[in-house]
Amino acid sequence: MTLGRPGPDYAERVDLRDIVNATISMLSVSGRTRRIPIEVALPDEPVWVTVNRTRIEQVLVNLVANAADAVAEQEAREGMIVVRVAPTADGTRVTCSVED
């Protein structure tokens, strides 16, 4: 599924940690998440995945932005967003989760 305008459909090998960090940074700089604490839990070692970088960034932006909206609407001001990346024990899959 393509959200928005379709772009080039090619995959590249990237460290998922770089995509997560760049996305969180971009959302903070844009002001979208500036006042909301974000905890990022990444492994120490690279998490190599072969993906369409633009599409993964788009999914992360949408998930984190939606979480930021949910946290901002909470009456208690102690909300936080947690972004976690965890490879499976056998190294064949990676889980990337966003929690609010």
PDB file of N, CA and C in Angstrom:
ATOM      1  N   MET A   1       0.850  -1.173   0.000  1.00  0.00           N
ATOM      2  CA  MET A   1       0.000   0.000   0.000  1.00  0.00           C
ATOM      3  C   MET A   1       0.892   1.232   0.000  1.00  0.00           C
ATOM      4  N   THR A   2       0.535   2.210  -0.802  1.00  0.00           N
ATOM      5  CA  THR A   2       1.280   3.451  -0.853  1.00  0.00           C
ATOM      6  C   THR A   2       0.427   4.555  -0.265  1.00  0.00           C
ATOM      7  N   LEU A   3       0.973   5.274   0.705  1.00  0.00           N
ATOM      8  CA  LEU A   3       0.282   6.416   1.284  1.00  0.00           C
ATOM      9  C   LEU A   3       0.732   7.654   0.535  1.00  0.00           C
ATOM     10  N   GLY A   4      -0.185   8.490   0.119  1.00  0.00           N
ATOM     11  CA  GLY A   4       0.193   9.685  -0.621  1.00  0.00           C
ATOM     12  C   GLY A   4       0.603   9.326  -2.031  1.00  0.00           C
ATOM     13  N   ARG A   5       1.467  10.135  -2.605  1.00  0.00           N
ATOM     14  CA  ARG A   5       1.927   9.910  -3.965  1.00  0.00           C
ATOM     15  C   ARG A   5       2.948   8.783  -4.003  1.00  0.00           C
ATOM     16  N   PRO A   6       2.798   7.875  -4.975  1.00  0.00           N
ATOM     17  CA  PRO A   6       3.795   6.818  -5.078  1.00  0.00           C
ATOM     18  C   PRO A   6       5.142   7.395  -5.491  1.00  0.00           C
ATOM     19  N   GLY A   7       6.192   6.869  -4.933  1.00  0.00           N
ATOM     20  CA  GLY A   7       7.544   7.279  -5.289  1.00  0.00           C
ATOM     21  C   GLY A   7       8.270   6.096  -5.879  1.00  0.00           C
ATOM     22  N   PRO A   8       9.568   6.243  -6.029  1.00  0.00           N
ATOM     23  CA  PRO A   8      10.334   5.113  -6.550  1.00  0.00           C
ATOM     24  C   PRO A   8      10.166   3.903  -5.641  1.00  0.00           C
ATOM     25  N   ASP A   9      10.004   2.751  -6.251  1.00  0.00           N
ATOM     26  CA  ASP A   9       9.783   1.539  -5.474  1.00  0.00           C
ATOM     27  C   ASP A   9      11.041   0.684  -5.490  1.00  0.00           C
ATOM     28  N   TYR A  10      12.009   1.080  -4.687  1.00  0.00           N
ATOM     29  CA  TYR A  10      13.225   0.287  -4.587  1.00  0.00           C
ATOM     30  C   TYR A  10      13.612   0.158  -3.123  1.00  0.00           C
ATOM     31  N   ALA A  11      14.270  -0.927  -2.832  1.00  0.00           N
ATOM     32  CA  ALA A  11      14.693  -1.187  -1.460  1.00  0.00           C
ATOM     33  C   ALA A  11      16.199  -0.987  -1.360  1.00  0.00           C
ATOM     34  N   GLU A  12      16.625  -0.557  -0.179  1.00  0.00           N
ATOM     35  CA  GLU A  12      18.050  -0.406   0.080  1.00  0.00           C
ATOM     36  C   GLU A  12      18.351  -0.942   1.471  1.00  0.00           C
ATOM     37  N   ARG A  13      19.591  -1.290   1.690  1.00  0.00           N
ATOM     38  CA  ARG A  13      20.015  -1.808   2.988  1.00  0.00           C
ATOM     39  C   ARG A  13      20.393  -0.626   3.873  1.00  0.00           C
ATOM     40  N   VAL A  14      19.685  -0.503   5.005  1.00  0.00           N
ATOM     41  CA  VAL A  14      19.911   0.614   5.922  1.00  0.00           C
ATOM     42  C   VAL A  14      19.883   0.110   7.358  1.00  0.00           C
ATOM     43  N   ASP A  15      20.499   0.890   8.235  1.00  0.00           N
ATOM     44  CA  ASP A  15      20.435   0.610   9.662  1.00  0.00           C
ATOM     45  C   ASP A  15      19.143   1.251  10.186  1.00  0.00           C
ATOM     46  N   LEU A  16      18.228   0.452  10.658  1.00  0.00           N
ATOM     47  CA  LEU A  16      16.930   0.953  11.120  1.00  0.00           C
ATOM     48  C   LEU A  16      17.088   1.978  12.231  1.00  0.00           C
ATOM     49  N   ARG A  17      18.158   1.882  13.001  1.00  0.00           N
ATOM     50  CA  ARG A  17      18.403   2.856  14.070  1.00  0.00           C
ATOM     51  C   ARG A  17      18.560   4.263  13.487  1.00  0.00           C
ATOM     52  N   ASP A  18      19.211   4.369  12.320  1.00  0.00           N
ATOM     53  CA  ASP A  18      19.393   5.677  11.680  1.00  0.00           C
ATOM     54  C   ASP A  18      18.056   6.272  11.247  1.00  0.00           C
ATOM     55  N   ILE A  19      17.181   5.433  10.711  1.00  0.00           N
ATOM     56  CA  ILE A  19      15.862   5.910  10.278  1.00  0.00           C
ATOM     57  C   ILE A  19      15.049   6.387  11.473  1.00  0.00           C
ATOM     58  N   VAL A  20      15.068   5.634  12.557  1.00  0.00           N
ATOM     59  CA  VAL A  20      14.318   6.018  13.756  1.00  0.00           C
ATOM     60  C   VAL A  20      14.853   7.340  14.303  1.00  0.00           C
ATOM     61  N   ASN A  21      16.167   7.446  14.456  1.00  0.00           N
ATOM     62  CA  ASN A  21      16.754   8.681  14.998  1.00  0.00           C
ATOM     63  C   ASN A  21      16.468   9.887  14.111  1.00  0.00           C
ATOM     64  N   ALA A  22      16.582   9.727  12.804  1.00  0.00           N
ATOM     65  CA  ALA A  22      16.318  10.837  11.877  1.00  0.00           C
ATOM     66  C   ALA A  22      14.857  11.262  11.937  1.00  0.00           C
ATOM     67  N   THR A  23      13.955  10.301  12.044  1.00  0.00           N
ATOM     68  CA  THR A  23      12.524  10.612  12.101  1.00  0.00           C
ATOM     69  C   THR A  23      12.179  11.350  13.383  1.00  0.00           C
ATOM     70  N   ILE A  24      12.692  10.875  14.514  1.00  0.00           N
ATOM     71  CA  ILE A  24      12.429  11.539  15.797  1.00  0.00           C
ATOM     72  C   ILE A  24      12.988  12.955  15.777  1.00  0.00           C
ATOM     73  N   SER A  25      14.180  13.127  15.241  1.00  0.00           N
ATOM     74  CA  SER A  25      14.811  14.444  15.156  1.00  0.00           C
ATOM     75  C   SER A  25      13.992  15.395  14.281  1.00  0.00           C
ATOM     76  N   MET A  26      13.554  14.911  13.129  1.00  0.00           N
ATOM     77  CA  MET A  26      12.765  15.742  12.214  1.00  0.00           C
ATOM     78  C   MET A  26      11.458  16.187  12.857  1.00  0.00           C
ATOM     79  N   LEU A  27      10.783  15.283  13.560  1.00  0.00           N
ATOM     80  CA  LEU A  27       9.524  15.639  14.211  1.00  0.00           C
ATOM     81  C   LEU A  27       9.744  16.634  15.343  1.00  0.00           C
ATOM     82  N   SER A  28      10.853  16.527  16.033  1.00  0.00           N
ATOM     83  CA  SER A  28      11.168  17.468  17.110  1.00  0.00           C
ATOM     84  C   SER A  28      11.471  18.856  16.542  1.00  0.00           C
ATOM     85  N   VAL A  29      12.301  18.899  15.521  1.00  0.00           N
ATOM     86  CA  VAL A  29      12.669  20.176  14.904  1.00  0.00           C
ATOM     87  C   VAL A  29      11.443  20.871  14.312  1.00  0.00           C
ATOM     88  N   SER A  30      10.539  20.084  13.743  1.00  0.00           N
ATOM     89  CA  SER A  30       9.339  20.666  13.137  1.00  0.00           C
ATOM     90  C   SER A  30       8.351  21.180  14.188  1.00  0.00           C
ATOM     91  N   GLY A  31       8.605  20.811  15.462  1.00  0.00           N
ATOM     92  CA  GLY A  31       7.718  21.245  16.538  1.00  0.00           C
ATOM     93  C   GLY A  31       6.609  20.265  16.841  1.00  0.00           C
ATOM     94  N   ARG A  32       6.520  19.221  16.054  1.00  0.00           N
ATOM     95  CA  ARG A  32       5.425  18.256  16.206  1.00  0.00           C
ATOM     96  C   ARG A  32       5.484  17.529  17.552  1.00  0.00           C
ATOM     97  N   THR A  33       6.681  17.261  18.051  1.00  0.00           N
ATOM     98  CA  THR A  33       6.823  16.519  19.306  1.00  0.00           C
ATOM     99  C   THR A  33       7.679  17.275  20.316  1.00  0.00           C
ATOM    100  N   ARG A  34       7.871  18.546  20.112  1.00  0.00           N
ATOM    101  CA  ARG A  34       8.816  19.325  20.926  1.00  0.00           C
ATOM    102  C   ARG A  34       8.546  19.249  22.420  1.00  0.00           C
ATOM    103  N   ARG A  35       7.300  19.265  22.840  1.00  0.00           N
ATOM    104  CA  ARG A  35       6.973  19.299  24.273  1.00  0.00           C
ATOM    105  C   ARG A  35       6.618  17.936  24.855  1.00  0.00           C
ATOM    106  N   ILE A  36       6.829  16.894  24.075  1.00  0.00           N
ATOM    107  CA  ILE A  36       6.467  15.557  24.528  1.00  0.00           C
ATOM    108  C   ILE A  36       7.738  14.726  24.674  1.00  0.00           C
ATOM    109  N   PRO A  37       7.977  14.168  25.864  1.00  0.00           N
ATOM    110  CA  PRO A  37       9.169  13.334  26.031  1.00  0.00           C
ATOM    111  C   PRO A  37       9.074  12.074  25.169  1.00  0.00           C
ATOM    112  N   ILE A  38      10.176  11.748  24.520  1.00  0.00           N
ATOM    113  CA  ILE A  38      10.242  10.541  23.704  1.00  0.00           C
ATOM    114  C   ILE A  38      11.419   9.704  24.181  1.00  0.00           C
ATOM    115  N   GLU A  39      11.128   8.481  24.549  1.00  0.00           N
ATOM    116  CA  GLU A  39      12.176   7.533  24.916  1.00  0.00           C
ATOM    117  C   GLU A  39      12.416   6.641  23.703  1.00  0.00           C
ATOM    118  N   VAL A  40      13.660   6.562  23.269  1.00  0.00           N
ATOM    119  CA  VAL A  40      14.012   5.725  22.126  1.00  0.00           C
ATOM    120  C   VAL A  40      14.888   4.588  22.635  1.00  0.00           C
ATOM    121  N   ALA A  41      14.436   3.361  22.452  1.00  0.00           N
ATOM    122  CA  ALA A  41      15.174   2.178  22.900  1.00  0.00           C
ATOM    123  C   ALA A  41      15.684   1.431  21.670  1.00  0.00           C
ATOM    124  N   LEU A  42      16.984   1.580  21.424  1.00  0.00           N
ATOM    125  CA  LEU A  42      17.600   0.952  20.256  1.00  0.00           C
ATOM    126  C   LEU A  42      18.724   0.033  20.707  1.00  0.00           C
ATOM    127  N   PRO A  43      18.951  -1.055  19.974  1.00  0.00           N
ATOM    128  CA  PRO A  43      20.076  -1.914  20.302  1.00  0.00           C
ATOM    129  C   PRO A  43      21.398  -1.179  20.052  1.00  0.00           C
ATOM    130  N   ASP A  44      22.449  -1.644  20.691  1.00  0.00           N
ATOM    131  CA  ASP A  44      23.771  -1.042  20.493  1.00  0.00           C
ATOM    132  C   ASP A  44      24.350  -1.364  19.113  1.00  0.00           C
ATOM    133  N   GLU A  45      24.014  -2.516  18.594  1.00  0.00           N
ATOM    134  CA  GLU A  45      24.532  -2.961  17.300  1.00  0.00           C
ATOM    135  C   GLU A  45      23.597  -2.512  16.178  1.00  0.00           C
ATOM    136  N   PRO A  46      24.139  -2.334  14.960  1.00  0.00           N
ATOM    137  CA  PRO A  46      23.281  -1.962  13.822  1.00  0.00           C
ATOM    138  C   PRO A  46      22.160  -2.980  13.600  1.00  0.00           C
ATOM    139  N   VAL A  47      21.030  -2.477  13.126  1.00  0.00           N
ATOM    140  CA  VAL A  47      19.886  -3.323  12.782  1.00  0.00           C
ATOM    141  C   VAL A  47      19.676  -3.161  11.278  1.00  0.00           C
ATOM    142  N   TRP A  48      20.336  -4.017  10.516  1.00  0.00           N
ATOM    143  CA  TRP A  48      20.301  -3.903   9.064  1.00  0.00           C
ATOM    144  C   TRP A  48      19.018  -4.485   8.517  1.00  0.00           C
ATOM    145  N   VAL A  49      18.314  -3.679   7.717  1.00  0.00           N
ATOM    146  CA  VAL A  49      17.092  -4.110   7.052  1.00  0.00           C
ATOM    147  C   VAL A  49      17.153  -3.648   5.604  1.00  0.00           C
ATOM    148  N   THR A  50      16.485  -4.375   4.735  1.00  0.00           N
ATOM    149  CA  THR A  50      16.384  -3.977   3.337  1.00  0.00           C
ATOM    150  C   THR A  50      14.954  -3.514   3.111  1.00  0.00           C
ATOM    151  N   VAL A  51      14.800  -2.195   2.942  1.00  0.00           N
ATOM    152  CA  VAL A  51      13.470  -1.584   2.878  1.00  0.00           C
ATOM    153  C   VAL A  51      13.478  -0.405   1.910  1.00  0.00           C
ATOM    154  N   ASN A  52      12.286   0.049   1.595  1.00  0.00           N
ATOM    155  CA  ASN A  52      12.135   1.324   0.912  1.00  0.00           C
ATOM    156  C   ASN A  52      12.183   2.379   2.011  1.00  0.00           C
ATOM    157  N   ARG A  53      13.269   3.103   2.095  1.00  0.00           N
ATOM    158  CA  ARG A  53      13.502   4.042   3.195  1.00  0.00           C
ATOM    159  C   ARG A  53      12.372   5.071   3.316  1.00  0.00           C
ATOM    160  N   THR A  54      11.944   5.615   2.211  1.00  0.00           N
ATOM    161  CA  THR A  54      10.900   6.643   2.229  1.00  0.00           C
ATOM    162  C   THR A  54       9.611   6.110   2.844  1.00  0.00           C
ATOM    163  N   ARG A  55       9.262   4.895   2.499  1.00  0.00           N
ATOM    164  CA  ARG A  55       8.012   4.331   3.024  1.00  0.00           C
ATOM    165  C   ARG A  55       8.103   4.043   4.519  1.00  0.00           C
ATOM    166  N   ILE A  56       9.246   3.536   4.971  1.00  0.00           N
ATOM    167  CA  ILE A  56       9.412   3.280   6.405  1.00  0.00           C
ATOM    168  C   ILE A  56       9.392   4.594   7.179  1.00  0.00           C
ATOM    169  N   GLU A  57      10.061   5.618   6.656  1.00  0.00           N
ATOM    170  CA  GLU A  57      10.036   6.930   7.313  1.00  0.00           C
ATOM    171  C   GLU A  57       8.609   7.449   7.402  1.00  0.00           C
ATOM    172  N   GLN A  58       7.845   7.277   6.333  1.00  0.00           N
ATOM    173  CA  GLN A  58       6.460   7.751   6.304  1.00  0.00           C
ATOM    174  C   GLN A  58       5.620   7.051   7.369  1.00  0.00           C
ATOM    175  N   VAL A  59       5.787   5.745   7.506  1.00  0.00           N
ATOM    176  CA  VAL A  59       5.047   4.993   8.521  1.00  0.00           C
ATOM    177  C   VAL A  59       5.432   5.477   9.919  1.00  0.00           C
ATOM    178  N   LEU A  60       6.739   5.636  10.172  1.00  0.00           N
ATOM    179  CA  LEU A  60       7.186   6.104  11.495  1.00  0.00           C
ATOM    180  C   LEU A  60       6.680   7.510  11.799  1.00  0.00           C
ATOM    181  N   VAL A  61       6.725   8.398  10.825  1.00  0.00           N
ATOM    182  CA  VAL A  61       6.213   9.754  11.027  1.00  0.00           C
ATOM    183  C   VAL A  61       4.748   9.694  11.427  1.00  0.00           C
ATOM    184  N   ASN A  62       3.962   8.904  10.722  1.00  0.00           N
ATOM    185  CA  ASN A  62       2.536   8.807  11.030  1.00  0.00           C
ATOM    186  C   ASN A  62       2.296   8.225  12.426  1.00  0.00           C
ATOM    187  N   LEU A  63       3.029   7.165  12.783  1.00  0.00           N
ATOM    188  CA  LEU A  63       2.839   6.548  14.092  1.00  0.00           C
ATOM    189  C   LEU A  63       3.241   7.480  15.232  1.00  0.00           C
ATOM    190  N   VAL A  64       4.395   8.123  15.095  1.00  0.00           N
ATOM    191  CA  VAL A  64       4.862   9.008  16.169  1.00  0.00           C
ATOM    192  C   VAL A  64       3.984  10.259  16.253  1.00  0.00           C
ATOM    193  N   ALA A  65       3.580  10.803  15.117  1.00  0.00           N
ATOM    194  CA  ALA A  65       2.708  11.979  15.127  1.00  0.00           C
ATOM    195  C   ALA A  65       1.353  11.649  15.756  1.00  0.00           C
ATOM    196  N   ASN A  66       0.812  10.482  15.448  1.00  0.00           N
ATOM    197  CA  ASN A  66      -0.454  10.071  16.070  1.00  0.00           C
ATOM    198  C   ASN A  66      -0.284   9.883  17.574  1.00  0.00           C
ATOM    199  N   ALA A  67       0.834   9.296  17.976  1.00  0.00           N
ATOM    200  CA  ALA A  67       1.100   9.126  19.415  1.00  0.00           C
ATOM    201  C   ALA A  67       1.240  10.485  20.086  1.00  0.00           C
ATOM    202  N   ALA A  68       1.900  11.432  19.427  1.00  0.00           N
ATOM    203  CA  ALA A  68       2.057  12.782  19.987  1.00  0.00           C
ATOM    204  C   ALA A  68       0.698  13.442  20.173  1.00  0.00           C
ATOM    205  N   ASP A  69      -0.192  13.270  19.213  1.00  0.00           N
ATOM    206  CA  ASP A  69      -1.543  13.830  19.344  1.00  0.00           C
ATOM    207  C   ASP A  69      -2.272  13.209  20.529  1.00  0.00           C
ATOM    208  N   ALA A  70      -2.142  11.897  20.695  1.00  0.00           N
ATOM    209  CA  ALA A  70      -2.820  11.207  21.799  1.00  0.00           C
ATOM    210  C   ALA A  70      -2.266  11.665  23.148  1.00  0.00           C
ATOM    211  N   VAL A  71      -0.951  11.807  23.245  1.00  0.00           N
ATOM    212  CA  VAL A  71      -0.335  12.246  24.500  1.00  0.00           C
ATOM    213  C   VAL A  71      -0.729  13.688  24.807  1.00  0.00           C
ATOM    214  N   ALA A  72      -0.752  14.534  23.787  1.00  0.00           N
ATOM    215  CA  ALA A  72      -1.097  15.945  23.990  1.00  0.00           C
ATOM    216  C   ALA A  72      -2.528  16.115  24.487  1.00  0.00           C
ATOM    217  N   GLU A  73      -3.402  15.190  24.136  1.00  0.00           N
ATOM    218  CA  GLU A  73      -4.805  15.278  24.546  1.00  0.00           C
ATOM    219  C   GLU A  73      -5.044  14.760  25.953  1.00  0.00           C
ATOM    220  N   GLN A  74      -4.074  14.072  26.532  1.00  0.00           N
ATOM    221  CA  GLN A  74      -4.252  13.534  27.882  1.00  0.00           C
ATOM    222  C   GLN A  74      -4.315  14.674  28.885  1.00  0.00           C
ATOM    223  N   GLU A  75      -5.197  14.518  29.850  1.00  0.00           N
ATOM    224  CA  GLU A  75      -5.304  15.534  30.894  1.00  0.00           C
ATOM    225  C   GLU A  75      -4.093  15.505  31.814  1.00  0.00           C
ATOM    226  N   ALA A  76      -3.606  14.322  32.131  1.00  0.00           N
ATOM    227  CA  ALA A  76      -2.395  14.211  32.953  1.00  0.00           C
ATOM    228  C   ALA A  76      -1.197  14.583  32.081  1.00  0.00           C
ATOM    229  N   ARG A  77      -0.342  15.427  32.554  1.00  0.00           N
ATOM    230  CA  ARG A  77       0.785  15.930  31.777  1.00  0.00           C
ATOM    231  C   ARG A  77       2.017  15.025  31.843  1.00  0.00           C
ATOM    232  N   GLU A  78       1.803  13.773  32.202  1.00  0.00           N
ATOM    233  CA  GLU A  78       2.930  12.873  32.349  1.00  0.00           C
ATOM    234  C   GLU A  78       3.045  11.903  31.187  1.00  0.00           C
ATOM    235  N   GLY A  79       2.485  12.253  30.039  1.00  0.00           N
ATOM    236  CA  GLY A  79       2.535  11.371  28.891  1.00  0.00           C
ATOM    237  C   GLY A  79       3.926  11.264  28.307  1.00  0.00           C
ATOM    238  N   MET A  80       4.171  10.161  27.630  1.00  0.00           N
ATOM    239  CA  MET A  80       5.460   9.910  27.007  1.00  0.00           C
ATOM    240  C   MET A  80       5.247   9.004  25.805  1.00  0.00           C
ATOM    241  N   ILE A  81       6.110   9.136  24.830  1.00  0.00           N
ATOM    242  CA  ILE A  81       6.105   8.241  23.679  1.00  0.00           C
ATOM    243  C   ILE A  81       7.344   7.362  23.790  1.00  0.00           C
ATOM    244  N   VAL A  82       7.172   6.078  23.537  1.00  0.00           N
ATOM    245  CA  VAL A  82       8.295   5.145  23.550  1.00  0.00           C
ATOM    246  C   VAL A  82       8.406   4.523  22.157  1.00  0.00           C
ATOM    247  N   VAL A  83       9.591   4.659  21.553  1.00  0.00           N
ATOM    248  CA  VAL A  83       9.870   4.033  20.263  1.00  0.00           C
ATOM    249  C   VAL A  83      10.927   2.967  20.529  1.00  0.00           C
ATOM    250  N   ARG A  84      10.614   1.736  20.156  1.00  0.00           N
ATOM    251  CA  ARG A  84      11.500   0.619  20.489  1.00  0.00           C
ATOM    252  C   ARG A  84      11.787  -0.202  19.230  1.00  0.00           C
ATOM    253  N   VAL A  85      13.051  -0.570  19.040  1.00  0.00           N
ATOM    254  CA  VAL A  85      13.460  -1.451  17.954  1.00  0.00           C
ATOM    255  C   VAL A  85      14.121  -2.667  18.588  1.00  0.00           C
ATOM    256  N   ALA A  86      13.663  -3.861  18.217  1.00  0.00           N
ATOM    257  CA  ALA A  86      14.217  -5.080  18.801  1.00  0.00           C
ATOM    258  C   ALA A  86      14.259  -6.195  17.753  1.00  0.00           C
ATOM    259  N   PRO A  87      15.463  -6.666  17.422  1.00  0.00           N
ATOM    260  CA  PRO A  87      15.559  -7.823  16.529  1.00  0.00           C
ATOM    261  C   PRO A  87      15.121  -9.094  17.261  1.00  0.00           C
ATOM    262  N   THR A  88      14.609 -10.058  16.517  1.00  0.00           N
ATOM    263  CA  THR A  88      14.270 -11.338  17.118  1.00  0.00           C
ATOM    264  C   THR A  88      15.551 -12.071  17.488  1.00  0.00           C
ATOM    265  N   ALA A  89      15.430 -13.073  18.330  1.00  0.00           N
ATOM    266  CA  ALA A  89      16.600 -13.814  18.803  1.00  0.00           C
ATOM    267  C   ALA A  89      17.375 -14.455  17.649  1.00  0.00           C
ATOM    268  N   ASP A  90      16.666 -14.918  16.623  1.00  0.00           N
ATOM    269  CA  ASP A  90      17.365 -15.561  15.509  1.00  0.00           C
ATOM    270  C   ASP A  90      17.839 -14.567  14.455  1.00  0.00           C
ATOM    271  N   GLY A  91      17.517 -13.289  14.630  1.00  0.00           N
ATOM    272  CA  GLY A  91      17.988 -12.248  13.722  1.00  0.00           C
ATOM    273  C   GLY A  91      17.298 -12.192  12.379  1.00  0.00           C
ATOM    274  N   THR A  92      16.191 -12.906  12.215  1.00  0.00           N
ATOM    275  CA  THR A  92      15.514 -12.912  10.917  1.00  0.00           C
ATOM    276  C   THR A  92      14.435 -11.845  10.787  1.00  0.00           C
ATOM    277  N   ARG A  93      14.036 -11.249  11.907  1.00  0.00           N
ATOM    278  CA  ARG A  93      12.992 -10.226  11.889  1.00  0.00           C
ATOM    279  C   ARG A  93      13.350  -9.118  12.868  1.00  0.00           C
ATOM    280  N   VAL A  94      12.671  -7.986  12.684  1.00  0.00           N
ATOM    281  CA  VAL A  94      12.854  -6.842  13.563  1.00  0.00           C
ATOM    282  C   VAL A  94      11.477  -6.315  13.925  1.00  0.00           C
ATOM    283  N   THR A  95      11.301  -5.977  15.190  1.00  0.00           N
ATOM    284  CA  THR A  95      10.059  -5.346  15.631  1.00  0.00           C
ATOM    285  C   THR A  95      10.369  -3.876  15.931  1.00  0.00           C
ATOM    286  N   CYS A  96       9.564  -3.002  15.375  1.00  0.00           N
ATOM    287  CA  CYS A  96       9.661  -1.583  15.668  1.00  0.00           C
ATOM    288  C   CYS A  96       8.296  -1.161  16.190  1.00  0.00           C
ATOM    289  N   SER A  97       8.259  -0.680  17.439  1.00  0.00           N
ATOM    290  CA  SER A  97       6.973  -0.318  18.031  1.00  0.00           C
ATOM    291  C   SER A  97       6.978   1.117  18.512  1.00  0.00           C
ATOM    292  N   VAL A  98       5.795   1.726  18.480  1.00  0.00           N
ATOM    293  CA  VAL A  98       5.587   3.076  18.987  1.00  0.00           C
ATOM    294  C   VAL A  98       4.458   2.997  19.995  1.00  0.00           C
ATOM    295  N   GLU A  99       4.717   3.409  21.235  1.00  0.00           N
ATOM    296  CA  GLU A  99       3.715   3.343  22.299  1.00  0.00           C
ATOM    297  C   GLU A  99       3.484   4.735  22.866  1.00  0.00           C
ATOM    298  N   ASP A 100       2.232   5.035  23.188  1.00  0.00           N
ATOM    299  CA  ASP A 100       1.935   6.303  23.857  1.00  0.00           C
ATOM    300  C   ASP A 100       1.206   6.036  25.139  1.00  0.00           C
TER     301      ASP A 100
END
